[in-house]
Protein backbone atom coordinates (compact mmCIF):
# COMPACT_ATOMS: atom_id res chain seq x y z
CA ALA A 1 -7.57 13.21 -15.18
CA PHE A 2 -8.95 11.67 -11.98
CA ARG A 3 -11.70 14.29 -11.73
CA LYS A 4 -12.74 13.58 -15.32
CA LEU A 5 -12.86 9.87 -14.54
CA ALA A 6 -14.90 10.50 -11.39
CA SER A 7 -17.38 12.61 -13.36
CA CYS A 8 -18.34 9.49 -15.33
CA PHE A 9 -19.61 7.67 -12.25
CA ASP A 10 -22.02 8.59 -9.47
CA ASN A 11 -20.20 6.50 -6.85
CA ILE A 12 -16.71 7.99 -7.18
CA PHE A 13 -15.82 11.25 -5.48
CA ILE A 14 -12.70 13.36 -5.01
CA PRO A 15 -12.68 15.87 -2.11
CA ASP A 16 -12.38 19.51 -3.09
CA ASP A 17 -9.60 20.36 -0.63
CA LEU A 18 -7.00 17.65 -1.15
CA VAL A 19 -4.33 16.79 1.41
CA GLU A 20 -0.68 16.94 0.36
CA VAL A 21 0.52 13.55 1.55
CA SER A 22 4.06 12.63 2.53
CA TRP A 23 5.01 9.02 3.17
CA GLY A 24 5.44 8.22 6.87
CA HIS A 25 3.77 11.49 7.94
CA ILE A 26 0.48 12.23 9.75
CA SER A 27 -0.80 13.58 6.42
CA MET A 28 -1.46 9.94 5.45
CA VAL A 29 -3.95 9.71 8.32
CA ASP A 30 -5.37 13.15 7.54
CA ALA A 31 -6.16 12.14 3.95
CA GLN A 32 -7.91 8.97 5.12
CA LEU A 33 -9.91 10.84 7.75
CA LYS A 34 -10.94 13.44 5.18
CA CYS A 35 -12.38 10.74 2.92
CA LEU A 36 -14.12 9.07 5.85
CA ARG A 37 -15.58 12.41 6.95
CA TYR A 38 -16.88 13.07 3.45
CA LEU A 39 -18.42 9.61 3.25
CA THR A 40 -20.13 10.11 6.61
CA TYR A 41 -21.42 13.66 6.33
CA ASN A 42 -21.52 14.62 2.64
CA TYR A 43 -22.02 11.52 0.52
CA GLN A 44 -25.71 10.67 0.60
CA GLY A 45 -25.78 8.50 -2.51
CA VAL A 46 -25.85 5.21 -0.61
CA GLN A 47 -26.07 3.99 2.99
CA TRP A 48 -22.63 2.39 2.96
CA LYS A 49 -21.62 0.03 5.76
CA TYR A 50 -17.84 -0.36 5.33
CA ALA A 51 -14.91 1.71 4.14
CA SER A 52 -11.81 -0.20 2.98
CA PHE A 53 -8.35 1.31 2.61
CA LEU A 54 -6.02 0.45 -0.24
CA CYS A 55 -2.83 1.87 -1.70
CA GLY A 56 -2.45 3.39 -5.13
CA LYS A 57 -0.72 0.32 -6.57
CA GLU A 58 -3.38 -2.14 -5.44
CA LEU A 59 -6.21 -3.62 -7.47
CA PRO A 60 -9.21 -5.70 -6.35
CA PHE A 61 -8.18 -9.34 -5.96
CA ASN A 62 -11.69 -10.72 -5.38
CA SER A 63 -15.03 -10.07 -7.00
CA ASN A 64 -17.43 -7.53 -5.53
CA ARG A 65 -19.75 -10.39 -4.55
CA VAL A 66 -17.01 -12.13 -2.54
CA MET A 67 -16.10 -8.90 -0.76
CA VAL A 68 -19.73 -8.15 0.11
CA ASP A 69 -20.36 -11.68 1.37
CA THR A 70 -17.25 -11.53 3.56
CA LEU A 71 -18.16 -8.16 5.06
CA ILE A 72 -21.65 -9.43 5.87
CA LYS A 73 -20.06 -12.21 7.92
CA LEU A 74 -18.24 -9.60 10.00
CA ASN A 75 -21.60 -8.59 11.48
CA GLY A 76 -20.73 -4.94 11.85
CA ASP A 77 -17.20 -5.35 13.19
CA SER A 78 -14.12 -3.84 11.57
CA VAL A 79 -11.18 -5.70 10.03
CA LEU A 80 -8.17 -4.53 11.98
CA ASN A 81 -5.67 -7.01 13.41
CA ALA A 82 -4.02 -4.96 16.16
CA HIS A 83 -1.12 -5.96 18.41
CA ARG A 84 0.90 -4.11 21.05
CA LEU A 85 3.61 -1.78 19.79
CA THR A 86 7.05 -3.01 20.84
CA ASP A 87 9.41 -0.79 22.84
CA MET A 88 11.83 -0.63 19.92
CA LYS A 89 9.12 0.51 17.50
CA PHE A 90 7.92 3.07 20.05
CA LEU A 91 11.38 4.62 20.39
CA LEU A 92 11.85 4.75 16.63
CA ARG A 93 8.47 6.21 15.76
CA PHE A 94 7.50 8.27 18.81
CA GLY A 95 10.83 9.10 20.48
CA LEU A 96 11.79 11.42 17.64
CA HIS A 97 10.15 14.48 16.06
CA PHE A 98 9.40 14.43 12.31
CA ILE A 99 8.08 17.14 10.00
CA SER A 100 7.12 17.11 6.33
CA TRP A 101 8.69 19.64 3.97
CA ASN A 102 8.44 19.65 0.15
CA GLY A 103 7.07 16.11 0.16
CA ALA A 104 9.92 14.67 2.23
CA LEU A 105 10.12 13.67 5.90
CA TYR A 106 12.77 15.20 8.17
CA GLN A 107 13.84 14.43 11.73
CA VAL A 108 14.29 17.72 13.55
CA ALA A 109 14.59 16.96 17.27
CA PRO A 110 13.93 14.29 19.88
CA ARG A 111 10.62 14.47 21.68
CA TRP A 112 9.46 12.85 24.86
CA ARG A 113 5.76 13.43 25.39
CA ARG A 114 3.52 11.35 27.55
CA VAL A 115 0.91 9.33 25.67
CA PRO A 116 -2.50 11.00 26.30
CA PHE A 117 -4.78 9.36 28.86
CA GLY A 118 -2.07 6.79 29.52
CA LEU A 119 -3.17 4.89 26.42
CA LYS A 120 -1.40 1.75 25.31
CA LEU A 121 -0.26 1.98 21.71
CA TYR A 122 -1.08 -0.72 19.18
CA LYS A 123 0.06 -1.42 15.63
CA SER A 124 -1.52 -2.98 12.56
CA ILE A 125 -1.09 -2.87 8.81
CA ASN A 126 -2.94 -0.06 7.09
CA TYR A 127 -5.13 -2.40 5.02
CA ILE A 128 -8.32 -2.23 7.04
CA SER A 129 -12.05 -2.33 6.48
CA ALA A 130 -13.74 0.04 8.92
CA SER A 131 -17.41 -0.36 9.80
CA ARG A 132 -19.60 2.73 9.64
CA ARG A 133 -20.02 2.82 13.42
CA PHE A 134 -16.22 2.64 13.89
CA VAL A 135 -15.77 5.45 11.36
CA LYS A 136 -18.24 7.60 13.28
CA PHE A 137 -16.33 6.83 16.46
CA LEU A 138 -13.07 7.93 14.81
CA LEU A 139 -14.61 11.25 13.80
CA THR A 140 -16.32 12.11 17.09
CA SER A 141 -14.27 10.67 19.96
CA PRO A 142 -12.34 13.26 22.05
CA ARG A 143 -9.76 10.61 22.94
CA VAL A 144 -9.19 9.83 19.27
CA ARG A 145 -8.65 13.54 18.58
CA ALA A 146 -6.10 13.68 21.40
CA LEU A 147 -4.40 10.61 19.95
CA HIS A 148 -4.21 12.32 16.56
CA ARG A 149 -2.54 15.38 18.09
CA TYR A 150 -0.03 13.16 19.89
CA MET A 151 0.88 11.34 16.68
CA SER A 152 1.12 14.49 14.55
CA THR A 153 4.95 14.42 14.53
CA ALA A 154 5.49 10.66 14.77
CA LEU A 155 6.96 8.41 12.10
CA MET A 156 4.45 6.28 10.15
CA PRO A 157 1.53 6.99 12.52
CA ASP A 158 -1.01 5.45 10.13
CA GLU A 159 -0.03 1.98 11.40
CA GLU A 160 -0.66 2.97 15.02
CA PHE A 161 -3.47 5.53 14.86
CA PHE A 162 -6.30 3.28 13.69
CA ALA A 163 -5.09 0.26 15.66
CA THR A 164 -4.86 2.19 18.94
CA ALA A 165 -8.28 3.80 18.37
CA TYR A 166 -9.74 0.37 17.66
CA MET A 167 -8.39 -1.01 20.95
CA LEU A 168 -9.89 1.76 23.09
CA PRO A 169 -12.38 0.24 25.58
CA GLU A 170 -15.21 2.45 24.30
CA ALA A 171 -14.55 1.67 20.62
CA PRO A 172 -17.19 -0.42 18.80
CA GLN A 173 -15.46 -3.76 18.21
CA THR A 174 -15.91 -7.41 19.08
CA HIS A 175 -12.52 -8.95 18.08
CA LEU A 176 -13.41 -11.49 15.42
CA PRO A 177 -11.71 -14.88 15.01
CA SER A 178 -8.33 -14.47 13.34
CA ASN A 179 -9.29 -16.55 10.28
CA GLU A 180 -12.13 -14.17 9.38
CA VAL A 181 -9.89 -11.15 9.90
CA GLN A 182 -7.10 -12.69 7.81
CA TYR A 183 -9.39 -13.47 4.88
CA ALA A 184 -11.04 -10.06 4.84
CA LYS A 185 -7.56 -8.47 4.77
CA THR A 186 -6.95 -10.01 1.33
CA PHE A 187 -9.61 -8.16 -0.67
CA PHE A 188 -6.92 -6.38 -2.63
CA THR A 189 -3.53 -7.34 -4.04
CA PRO A 190 -2.46 -9.74 -1.29
CA GLU A 191 0.60 -10.46 0.77
CA PHE A 192 2.21 -12.91 -1.59
CA PRO A 193 2.60 -16.53 -0.38
CA LEU A 194 6.24 -17.41 0.15
CA ASN A 195 5.93 -20.61 -1.89
CA LEU A 196 4.81 -18.74 -5.01
CA LYS A 197 7.03 -16.66 -7.25
CA CYS A 198 6.01 -13.10 -7.95
CA SER A 199 6.81 -12.22 -11.57
CA GLY A 200 6.13 -8.58 -10.88
CA LYS A 201 7.69 -6.60 -8.05
CA VAL A 202 7.36 -7.26 -4.32
CA VAL A 203 6.96 -4.06 -2.29
CA HIS A 204 6.51 -4.35 1.49
CA HIS A 205 5.50 -8.01 1.11
CA ILE A 206 2.90 -7.04 -1.52
CA CYS A 207 3.23 -8.45 -5.05
CA ILE A 208 2.67 -5.76 -7.68
CA LEU A 209 1.39 -8.10 -10.38
CA ASN A 210 2.32 -8.10 -14.04
CA ILE A 211 1.00 -10.01 -17.03
CA ARG A 212 3.10 -13.10 -16.29
CA ASP A 213 1.19 -13.54 -13.02
CA LEU A 214 -2.15 -14.04 -14.77
CA PRO A 215 -1.89 -17.86 -14.99
CA LEU A 216 -0.98 -17.95 -11.31
CA LEU A 217 -4.01 -15.85 -10.41
CA HIS A 218 -6.20 -18.32 -12.28
CA GLU A 219 -4.82 -21.20 -10.21
CA TYR A 220 -4.54 -19.43 -6.87
CA LYS A 221 -8.11 -19.54 -5.61
CA ARG A 222 -9.25 -18.46 -2.19
CA GLY A 223 -11.98 -20.22 -0.28
CA LYS A 224 -14.68 -18.23 1.42
């Protein structure tokens, strides 16, 4: 069904060799990298400047014009609000060994491996907009490849992989003001404000909207 839908448009593509993705597994990162690699080396339809990640339940929350205007203001930087990984999170996600089997994640043994190059690990949400130069860095950096190997058996590495790569000294980034980063993070179905009631279903602080939320969407306007 998705391939038939993609065949109707010249700006939608589906990779030929799909990745079997398991939640919380490195396969989430692998699928994202595969799409980024295709965009960079195979898709010649347009000279794109940004790649934005979203989950399957998300829909655009702003118009295309608003998203383009916001990305222009970023001046080539990526939207990725990284912060240091706490010791507790490190022990939970990197002190154990996880494998994927039949679509499920299993803990098989503890593991204690040194972080490559003595890197400091960072965390962010997975809703990012990556600039083209940052994408190229992800696909070509030897230290990023080593980081990927290190995280191959970690729990939920998608929240640490891109953030840690972004914070590498040689990575192309300029650390934008937090207000610009915060606004650009809300292109798609947003983290729902605590003072508003979600009529749909809240999943990981994200409101999965339903029809009763339409009047609220009309009232809840975001400034540029």
